[in-house]
Amino acid sequence: VSRQAFLAELEPILRQHPSVTKLHVVPEAFVPVIKFHFDGVDIDLSCACLPVDSIPTPLDLTDSDILKDLRDPKDVTCLNGPRVTYEILRR
């Protein structure tokens, strides 16, 4: 899935969901993001394009090997957000 398709296809689905409020798509951000509230919970949803045919289960974001074949810096930045959060919470 391309980043553009992710933003274009997910926005109308989220807009129709009754639990979604304050929906704002930010395609021009360095890491494009969909910002919204879901049942009052603030969510920033971004998309990283991984060079795989299917997502492994479980997906271990702490494994640095996941970053080695990424060519777009936006994908690395997108994945580093949750990786850093995990490390902070782990300590």
PDB file of N, CA and C in Angstrom:
ATOM      1  N   VAL A   1       0.852  -1.175   0.000  1.00  0.00           N
ATOM      2  CA  VAL A   1       0.000   0.000   0.000  1.00  0.00           C
ATOM      3  C   VAL A   1       0.895   1.234   0.000  1.00  0.00           C
ATOM      4  N   SER A   2       0.629   2.148  -0.888  1.00  0.00           N
ATOM      5  CA  SER A   2       1.401   3.389  -0.910  1.00  0.00           C
ATOM      6  C   SER A   2       0.897   4.321   0.182  1.00  0.00           C
ATOM      7  N   ARG A   3       1.723   5.268   0.556  1.00  0.00           N
ATOM      8  CA  ARG A   3       1.344   6.243   1.574  1.00  0.00           C
ATOM      9  C   ARG A   3       0.152   7.071   1.095  1.00  0.00           C
ATOM     10  N   GLN A   4       0.155   7.429  -0.191  1.00  0.00           N
ATOM     11  CA  GLN A   4      -0.941   8.213  -0.761  1.00  0.00           C
ATOM     12  C   GLN A   4      -2.257   7.438  -0.723  1.00  0.00           C
ATOM     13  N   ALA A   5      -2.206   6.154  -1.051  1.00  0.00           N
ATOM     14  CA  ALA A   5      -3.419   5.321  -1.007  1.00  0.00           C
ATOM     15  C   ALA A   5      -3.909   5.167   0.427  1.00  0.00           C
ATOM     16  N   PHE A   6      -2.989   5.004   1.356  1.00  0.00           N
ATOM     17  CA  PHE A   6      -3.339   4.897   2.773  1.00  0.00           C
ATOM     18  C   PHE A   6      -4.145   6.111   3.213  1.00  0.00           C
ATOM     19  N   LEU A   7      -3.641   7.295   2.899  1.00  0.00           N
ATOM     20  CA  LEU A   7      -4.326   8.524   3.303  1.00  0.00           C
ATOM     21  C   LEU A   7      -5.658   8.684   2.581  1.00  0.00           C
ATOM     22  N   ALA A   8      -5.653   8.467   1.269  1.00  0.00           N
ATOM     23  CA  ALA A   8      -6.856   8.701   0.463  1.00  0.00           C
ATOM     24  C   ALA A   8      -7.972   7.705   0.769  1.00  0.00           C
ATOM     25  N   GLU A   9      -7.629   6.462   1.023  1.00  0.00           N
ATOM     26  CA  GLU A   9      -8.652   5.444   1.225  1.00  0.00           C
ATOM     27  C   GLU A   9      -9.142   5.366   2.666  1.00  0.00           C
ATOM     28  N   LEU A  10      -8.281   5.669   3.607  1.00  0.00           N
ATOM     29  CA  LEU A  10      -8.675   5.557   5.014  1.00  0.00           C
ATOM     30  C   LEU A  10      -9.480   6.767   5.499  1.00  0.00           C
ATOM     31  N   GLU A  11      -9.193   7.944   4.942  1.00  0.00           N
ATOM     32  CA  GLU A  11      -9.894   9.147   5.401  1.00  0.00           C
ATOM     33  C   GLU A  11     -11.416   9.020   5.290  1.00  0.00           C
ATOM     34  N   PRO A  12     -11.984   8.635   4.146  1.00  0.00           N
ATOM     35  CA  PRO A  12     -13.452   8.549   4.076  1.00  0.00           C
ATOM     36  C   PRO A  12     -14.040   7.482   4.999  1.00  0.00           C
ATOM     37  N   ILE A  13     -13.305   6.422   5.237  1.00  0.00           N
ATOM     38  CA  ILE A  13     -13.784   5.371   6.152  1.00  0.00           C
ATOM     39  C   ILE A  13     -13.859   5.923   7.567  1.00  0.00           C
ATOM     40  N   LEU A  14     -12.806   6.618   7.982  1.00  0.00           N
ATOM     41  CA  LEU A  14     -12.787   7.194   9.323  1.00  0.00           C
ATOM     42  C   LEU A  14     -13.851   8.279   9.470  1.00  0.00           C
ATOM     43  N   ARG A  15     -14.037   9.098   8.424  1.00  0.00           N
ATOM     44  CA  ARG A  15     -15.024  10.177   8.476  1.00  0.00           C
ATOM     45  C   ARG A  15     -16.434   9.656   8.736  1.00  0.00           C
ATOM     46  N   GLN A  16     -16.730   8.465   8.254  1.00  0.00           N
ATOM     47  CA  GLN A  16     -18.069   7.887   8.408  1.00  0.00           C
ATOM     48  C   GLN A  16     -18.252   7.180   9.742  1.00  0.00           C
ATOM     49  N   HIS A  17     -17.186   6.936  10.467  1.00  0.00           N
ATOM     50  CA  HIS A  17     -17.291   6.193  11.720  1.00  0.00           C
ATOM     51  C   HIS A  17     -17.832   7.103  12.816  1.00  0.00           C
ATOM     52  N   PRO A  18     -18.866   6.675  13.521  1.00  0.00           N
ATOM     53  CA  PRO A  18     -19.498   7.538  14.530  1.00  0.00           C
ATOM     54  C   PRO A  18     -18.603   7.866  15.732  1.00  0.00           C
ATOM     55  N   SER A  19     -17.589   7.065  15.991  1.00  0.00           N
ATOM     56  CA  SER A  19     -16.712   7.317  17.142  1.00  0.00           C
ATOM     57  C   SER A  19     -15.553   8.249  16.810  1.00  0.00           C
ATOM     58  N   VAL A  20     -15.402   8.604  15.536  1.00  0.00           N
ATOM     59  CA  VAL A  20     -14.288   9.441  15.104  1.00  0.00           C
ATOM     60  C   VAL A  20     -14.721  10.905  15.063  1.00  0.00           C
ATOM     61  N   THR A  21     -13.926  11.756  15.732  1.00  0.00           N
ATOM     62  CA  THR A  21     -14.151  13.199  15.695  1.00  0.00           C
ATOM     63  C   THR A  21     -12.815  13.894  15.442  1.00  0.00           C
ATOM     64  N   LYS A  22     -12.892  15.164  15.109  1.00  0.00           N
ATOM     65  CA  LYS A  22     -11.706  16.013  14.917  1.00  0.00           C
ATOM     66  C   LYS A  22     -10.714  15.400  13.927  1.00  0.00           C
ATOM     67  N   LEU A  23     -11.220  14.844  12.825  1.00  0.00           N
ATOM     68  CA  LEU A  23     -10.370  14.202  11.814  1.00  0.00           C
ATOM     69  C   LEU A  23      -9.646  15.264  10.991  1.00  0.00           C
ATOM     70  N   HIS A  24      -8.339  15.101  10.880  1.00  0.00           N
ATOM     71  CA  HIS A  24      -7.513  16.028  10.106  1.00  0.00           C
ATOM     72  C   HIS A  24      -6.391  15.234   9.451  1.00  0.00           C
ATOM     73  N   VAL A  25      -6.321  15.287   8.124  1.00  0.00           N
ATOM     74  CA  VAL A  25      -5.262  14.604   7.380  1.00  0.00           C
ATOM     75  C   VAL A  25      -4.160  15.611   7.082  1.00  0.00           C
ATOM     76  N   VAL A  26      -2.916  15.228   7.362  1.00  0.00           N
ATOM     77  CA  VAL A  26      -1.773  16.120   7.150  1.00  0.00           C
ATOM     78  C   VAL A  26      -0.802  15.443   6.168  1.00  0.00           C
ATOM     79  N   PRO A  27      -1.145  15.474   4.856  1.00  0.00           N
ATOM     80  CA  PRO A  27      -0.293  14.790   3.876  1.00  0.00           C
ATOM     81  C   PRO A  27       1.032  15.490   3.634  1.00  0.00           C
ATOM     82  N   GLU A  28       1.127  16.777   3.964  1.00  0.00           N
ATOM     83  CA  GLU A  28       2.351  17.528   3.685  1.00  0.00           C
ATOM     84  C   GLU A  28       3.398  17.416   4.796  1.00  0.00           C
ATOM     85  N   ALA A  29       3.068  16.777   5.897  1.00  0.00           N
ATOM     86  CA  ALA A  29       4.033  16.588   6.980  1.00  0.00           C
ATOM     87  C   ALA A  29       5.172  15.683   6.502  1.00  0.00           C
ATOM     88  N   PHE A  30       6.351  15.791   7.144  1.00  0.00           N
ATOM     89  CA  PHE A  30       7.470  14.924   6.729  1.00  0.00           C
ATOM     90  C   PHE A  30       7.041  13.467   6.783  1.00  0.00           C
ATOM     91  N   VAL A  31       6.365  13.088   7.857  1.00  0.00           N
ATOM     92  CA  VAL A  31       5.716  11.779   7.927  1.00  0.00           C
ATOM     93  C   VAL A  31       4.222  12.052   7.892  1.00  0.00           C
ATOM     94  N   PRO A  32       3.588  11.872   6.715  1.00  0.00           N
ATOM     95  CA  PRO A  32       2.150  12.153   6.618  1.00  0.00           C
ATOM     96  C   PRO A  32       1.366  11.403   7.694  1.00  0.00           C
ATOM     97  N   VAL A  33       0.345  12.069   8.220  1.00  0.00           N
ATOM     98  CA  VAL A  33      -0.372  11.530   9.373  1.00  0.00           C
ATOM     99  C   VAL A  33      -1.857  11.841   9.263  1.00  0.00           C
ATOM    100  N   ILE A  34      -2.667  10.964   9.839  1.00  0.00           N
ATOM    101  CA  ILE A  34      -4.095  11.210  10.021  1.00  0.00           C
ATOM    102  C   ILE A  34      -4.290  11.392  11.512  1.00  0.00           C
ATOM    103  N   LYS A  35      -4.754  12.572  11.900  1.00  0.00           N
ATOM    104  CA  LYS A  35      -4.981  12.889  13.312  1.00  0.00           C
ATOM    105  C   LYS A  35      -6.482  12.860  13.564  1.00  0.00           C
ATOM    106  N   PHE A  36      -6.892  12.236  14.673  1.00  0.00           N
ATOM    107  CA  PHE A  36      -8.312  12.189  15.009  1.00  0.00           C
ATOM    108  C   PHE A  36      -8.497  11.773  16.455  1.00  0.00           C
ATOM    109  N   HIS A  37      -9.692  11.936  16.927  1.00  0.00           N
ATOM    110  CA  HIS A  37     -10.079  11.426  18.247  1.00  0.00           C
ATOM    111  C   HIS A  37     -11.005  10.243  18.012  1.00  0.00           C
ATOM    112  N   PHE A  38     -10.772   9.166  18.725  1.00  0.00           N
ATOM    113  CA  PHE A  38     -11.627   7.980  18.649  1.00  0.00           C
ATOM    114  C   PHE A  38     -12.160   7.729  20.051  1.00  0.00           C
ATOM    115  N   ASP A  39     -13.459   7.920  20.221  1.00  0.00           N
ATOM    116  CA  ASP A  39     -14.069   7.817  21.558  1.00  0.00           C
ATOM    117  C   ASP A  39     -13.312   8.668  22.577  1.00  0.00           C
ATOM    118  N   GLY A  40     -12.887   9.849  22.141  1.00  0.00           N
ATOM    119  CA  GLY A  40     -12.202  10.768  23.037  1.00  0.00           C
ATOM    120  C   GLY A  40     -10.708  10.553  23.170  1.00  0.00           C
ATOM    121  N   VAL A  41     -10.168   9.506  22.561  1.00  0.00           N
ATOM    122  CA  VAL A  41      -8.729   9.222  22.629  1.00  0.00           C
ATOM    123  C   VAL A  41      -8.045   9.852  21.412  1.00  0.00           C
ATOM    124  N   ASP A  42      -7.027  10.675  21.669  1.00  0.00           N
ATOM    125  CA  ASP A  42      -6.287  11.358  20.613  1.00  0.00           C
ATOM    126  C   ASP A  42      -5.365  10.360  19.919  1.00  0.00           C
ATOM    127  N   ILE A  43      -5.498  10.254  18.575  1.00  0.00           N
ATOM    128  CA  ILE A  43      -4.702   9.288  17.808  1.00  0.00           C
ATOM    129  C   ILE A  43      -4.016  10.001  16.652  1.00  0.00           C
ATOM    130  N   ASP A  44      -2.729   9.721  16.469  1.00  0.00           N
ATOM    131  CA  ASP A  44      -1.969  10.127  15.292  1.00  0.00           C
ATOM    132  C   ASP A  44      -1.597   8.848  14.563  1.00  0.00           C
ATOM    133  N   LEU A  45      -2.148   8.664  13.374  1.00  0.00           N
ATOM    134  CA  LEU A  45      -1.965   7.421  12.625  1.00  0.00           C
ATOM    135  C   LEU A  45      -1.109   7.703  11.395  1.00  0.00           C
ATOM    136  N   SER A  46       0.021   7.023  11.307  1.00  0.00           N
ATOM    137  CA  SER A  46       0.908   7.194  10.159  1.00  0.00           C
ATOM    138  C   SER A  46       1.136   5.838   9.498  1.00  0.00           C
ATOM    139  N   CYS A  47       1.764   5.887   8.337  1.00  0.00           N
ATOM    140  CA  CYS A  47       1.948   4.674   7.543  1.00  0.00           C
ATOM    141  C   CYS A  47       3.411   4.513   7.161  1.00  0.00           C
ATOM    142  N   ALA A  48       3.969   3.348   7.442  1.00  0.00           N
ATOM    143  CA  ALA A  48       5.313   2.997   6.984  1.00  0.00           C
ATOM    144  C   ALA A  48       5.170   1.897   5.940  1.00  0.00           C
ATOM    145  N   CYS A  49       5.850   2.071   4.831  1.00  0.00           N
ATOM    146  CA  CYS A  49       5.805   1.077   3.758  1.00  0.00           C
ATOM    147  C   CYS A  49       6.980   0.119   3.927  1.00  0.00           C
ATOM    148  N   LEU A  50       6.677  -1.113   4.266  1.00  0.00           N
ATOM    149  CA  LEU A  50       7.721  -2.120   4.498  1.00  0.00           C
ATOM    150  C   LEU A  50       7.941  -2.936   3.230  1.00  0.00           C
ATOM    151  N   PRO A  51       9.188  -3.295   2.928  1.00  0.00           N
ATOM    152  CA  PRO A  51       9.484  -4.071   1.729  1.00  0.00           C
ATOM    153  C   PRO A  51       9.219  -5.566   1.937  1.00  0.00           C
ATOM    154  N   VAL A  52       7.989  -5.911   2.271  1.00  0.00           N
ATOM    155  CA  VAL A  52       7.601  -7.309   2.484  1.00  0.00           C
ATOM    156  C   VAL A  52       6.264  -7.565   1.803  1.00  0.00           C
ATOM    157  N   ASP A  53       6.021  -8.827   1.473  1.00  0.00           N
ATOM    158  CA  ASP A  53       4.751  -9.190   0.847  1.00  0.00           C
ATOM    159  C   ASP A  53       3.612  -9.260   1.852  1.00  0.00           C
ATOM    160  N   SER A  54       3.948  -9.623   3.087  1.00  0.00           N
ATOM    161  CA  SER A  54       2.937  -9.666   4.145  1.00  0.00           C
ATOM    162  C   SER A  54       3.615  -9.310   5.464  1.00  0.00           C
ATOM    163  N   ILE A  55       2.818  -8.778   6.388  1.00  0.00           N
ATOM    164  CA  ILE A  55       3.345  -8.357   7.678  1.00  0.00           C
ATOM    165  C   ILE A  55       3.519  -9.587   8.568  1.00  0.00           C
ATOM    166  N   PRO A  56       4.726  -9.803   9.100  1.00  0.00           N
ATOM    167  CA  PRO A  56       4.932 -10.964   9.969  1.00  0.00           C
ATOM    168  C   PRO A  56       4.153 -10.821  11.277  1.00  0.00           C
ATOM    169  N   THR A  57       3.730 -11.946  11.797  1.00  0.00           N
ATOM    170  CA  THR A  57       3.014 -11.954  13.067  1.00  0.00           C
ATOM    171  C   THR A  57       3.832 -12.755  14.062  1.00  0.00           C
ATOM    172  N   PRO A  58       4.210 -12.215  15.182  1.00  0.00           N
ATOM    173  CA  PRO A  58       4.035 -10.812  15.566  1.00  0.00           C
ATOM    174  C   PRO A  58       5.093  -9.948  14.893  1.00  0.00           C
ATOM    175  N   LEU A  59       4.790  -8.669  14.723  1.00  0.00           N
ATOM    176  CA  LEU A  59       5.734  -7.707  14.169  1.00  0.00           C
ATOM    177  C   LEU A  59       6.501  -7.088  15.328  1.00  0.00           C
ATOM    178  N   ASP A  60       7.799  -7.299  15.367  1.00  0.00           N
ATOM    179  CA  ASP A  60       8.633  -6.792  16.456  1.00  0.00           C
ATOM    180  C   ASP A  60       9.323  -5.506  16.005  1.00  0.00           C
ATOM    181  N   LEU A  61       8.764  -4.367  16.409  1.00  0.00           N
ATOM    182  CA  LEU A  61       9.335  -3.084  16.019  1.00  0.00           C
ATOM    183  C   LEU A  61      10.663  -2.799  16.711  1.00  0.00           C
ATOM    184  N   THR A  62      10.989  -3.532  17.751  1.00  0.00           N
ATOM    185  CA  THR A  62      12.256  -3.309  18.445  1.00  0.00           C
ATOM    186  C   THR A  62      13.431  -3.962  17.723  1.00  0.00           C
ATOM    187  N   ASP A  63      13.156  -4.838  16.786  1.00  0.00           N
ATOM    188  CA  ASP A  63      14.200  -5.499  16.013  1.00  0.00           C
ATOM    189  C   ASP A  63      14.719  -4.522  14.957  1.00  0.00           C
ATOM    190  N   SER A  64      15.973  -4.126  15.058  1.00  0.00           N
ATOM    191  CA  SER A  64      16.550  -3.138  14.136  1.00  0.00           C
ATOM    192  C   SER A  64      16.621  -3.635  12.695  1.00  0.00           C
ATOM    193  N   ASP A  65      16.534  -4.940  12.495  1.00  0.00           N
ATOM    194  CA  ASP A  65      16.546  -5.482  11.133  1.00  0.00           C
ATOM    195  C   ASP A  65      15.372  -4.969  10.309  1.00  0.00           C
ATOM    196  N   ILE A  66      14.304  -4.563  10.971  1.00  0.00           N
ATOM    197  CA  ILE A  66      13.130  -4.061  10.254  1.00  0.00           C
ATOM    198  C   ILE A  66      13.462  -2.762   9.502  1.00  0.00           C
ATOM    199  N   LEU A  67      14.492  -2.055   9.946  1.00  0.00           N
ATOM    200  CA  LEU A  67      14.859  -0.779   9.341  1.00  0.00           C
ATOM    201  C   LEU A  67      15.852  -0.911   8.189  1.00  0.00           C
ATOM    202  N   LYS A  68      16.557  -2.023   8.102  1.00  0.00           N
ATOM    203  CA  LYS A  68      17.710  -2.097   7.202  1.00  0.00           C
ATOM    204  C   LYS A  68      17.364  -2.000   5.712  1.00  0.00           C
ATOM    205  N   ASP A  69      16.210  -2.447   5.270  1.00  0.00           N
ATOM    206  CA  ASP A  69      15.874  -2.404   3.846  1.00  0.00           C
ATOM    207  C   ASP A  69      14.960  -1.239   3.478  1.00  0.00           C
ATOM    208  N   LEU A  70      14.708  -0.342   4.420  1.00  0.00           N
ATOM    209  CA  LEU A  70      13.851   0.806   4.130  1.00  0.00           C
ATOM    210  C   LEU A  70      14.641   1.842   3.339  1.00  0.00           C
ATOM    211  N   ARG A  71      14.070   2.296   2.243  1.00  0.00           N
ATOM    212  CA  ARG A  71      14.762   3.260   1.383  1.00  0.00           C
ATOM    213  C   ARG A  71      14.286   4.689   1.608  1.00  0.00           C
ATOM    214  N   ASP A  72      13.069   4.853   2.078  1.00  0.00           N
ATOM    215  CA  ASP A  72      12.486   6.173   2.261  1.00  0.00           C
ATOM    216  C   ASP A  72      12.670   6.608   3.716  1.00  0.00           C
ATOM    217  N   PRO A  73      13.320   7.747   3.955  1.00  0.00           N
ATOM    218  CA  PRO A  73      13.512   8.221   5.330  1.00  0.00           C
ATOM    219  C   PRO A  73      12.190   8.429   6.076  1.00  0.00           C
ATOM    220  N   LYS A  74      11.105   8.661   5.359  1.00  0.00           N
ATOM    221  CA  LYS A  74       9.800   8.821   6.005  1.00  0.00           C
ATOM    222  C   LYS A  74       9.374   7.527   6.694  1.00  0.00           C
ATOM    223  N   ASP A  75       9.710   6.398   6.087  1.00  0.00           N
ATOM    224  CA  ASP A  75       9.365   5.108   6.695  1.00  0.00           C
ATOM    225  C   ASP A  75      10.177   4.866   7.965  1.00  0.00           C
ATOM    226  N   VAL A  76      11.465   5.207   7.924  1.00  0.00           N
ATOM    227  CA  VAL A  76      12.321   5.039   9.100  1.00  0.00           C
ATOM    228  C   VAL A  76      11.816   5.932  10.232  1.00  0.00           C
ATOM    229  N   THR A  77      11.529   7.181   9.922  1.00  0.00           N
ATOM    230  CA  THR A  77      11.030   8.119  10.933  1.00  0.00           C
ATOM    231  C   THR A  77       9.703   7.644  11.506  1.00  0.00           C
ATOM    232  N   CYS A  78       8.831   7.140  10.648  1.00  0.00           N
ATOM    233  CA  CYS A  78       7.521   6.643  11.086  1.00  0.00           C
ATOM    234  C   CYS A  78       7.682   5.491  12.076  1.00  0.00           C
ATOM    235  N   LEU A  79       8.581   4.588  11.811  1.00  0.00           N
ATOM    236  CA  LEU A  79       8.787   3.445  12.702  1.00  0.00           C
ATOM    237  C   LEU A  79       9.565   3.818  13.960  1.00  0.00           C
ATOM    238  N   ASN A  80      10.403   4.832  13.874  1.00  0.00           N
ATOM    239  CA  ASN A  80      11.194   5.209  15.045  1.00  0.00           C
ATOM    240  C   ASN A  80      10.340   5.800  16.153  1.00  0.00           C
ATOM    241  N   GLY A  81       9.210   6.426  15.831  1.00  0.00           N
ATOM    242  CA  GLY A  81       8.327   6.963  16.869  1.00  0.00           C
ATOM    243  C   GLY A  81       7.903   5.893  17.863  1.00  0.00           C
ATOM    244  N   PRO A  82       7.262   4.821  17.412  1.00  0.00           N
ATOM    245  CA  PRO A  82       6.867   3.771  18.357  1.00  0.00           C
ATOM    246  C   PRO A  82       8.059   3.028  18.971  1.00  0.00           C
ATOM    247  N   ARG A  83       9.174   2.943  18.244  1.00  0.00           N
ATOM    248  CA  ARG A  83      10.365   2.276  18.791  1.00  0.00           C
ATOM    249  C   ARG A  83      10.905   3.054  19.994  1.00  0.00           C
ATOM    250  N   VAL A  84      10.978   4.369  19.864  1.00  0.00           N
ATOM    251  CA  VAL A  84      11.468   5.203  20.963  1.00  0.00           C
ATOM    252  C   VAL A  84      10.502   5.180  22.129  1.00  0.00           C
ATOM    253  N   THR A  85       9.209   5.251  21.846  1.00  0.00           N
ATOM    254  CA  THR A  85       8.199   5.185  22.913  1.00  0.00           C
ATOM    255  C   THR A  85       8.328   3.887  23.686  1.00  0.00           C
ATOM    256  N   TYR A  86       8.506   2.778  22.978  1.00  0.00           N
ATOM    257  CA  TYR A  86       8.652   1.482  23.628  1.00  0.00           C
ATOM    258  C   TYR A  86       9.875   1.487  24.558  1.00  0.00           C
ATOM    259  N   GLU A  87      10.989   2.028  24.075  1.00  0.00           N
ATOM    260  CA  GLU A  87      12.214   2.050  24.890  1.00  0.00           C
ATOM    261  C   GLU A  87      12.036   2.909  26.125  1.00  0.00           C
ATOM    262  N   ILE A  88      11.357   4.040  25.994  1.00  0.00           N
ATOM    263  CA  ILE A  88      11.119   4.907  27.145  1.00  0.00           C
ATOM    264  C   ILE A  88      10.245   4.193  28.182  1.00  0.00           C
ATOM    265  N   LEU A  89       9.197   3.555  27.737  1.00  0.00           N
ATOM    266  CA  LEU A  89       8.285   2.861  28.650  1.00  0.00           C
ATOM    267  C   LEU A  89       8.918   1.625  29.285  1.00  0.00           C
ATOM    268  N   ARG A  90       9.854   1.021  28.576  1.00  0.00           N
ATOM    269  CA  ARG A  90      10.518  -0.194  29.052  1.00  0.00           C
ATOM    270  C   ARG A  90      11.439   0.102  30.231  1.00  0.00           C
ATOM    271  N   ARG A  91      11.928   1.313  30.339  1.00  0.00           N
ATOM    272  CA  ARG A  91      12.909   1.653  31.390  1.00  0.00           C
ATOM    273  C   ARG A  91      12.252   2.076  32.608  1.00  0.00           C
TER     274      ARG A  91
END
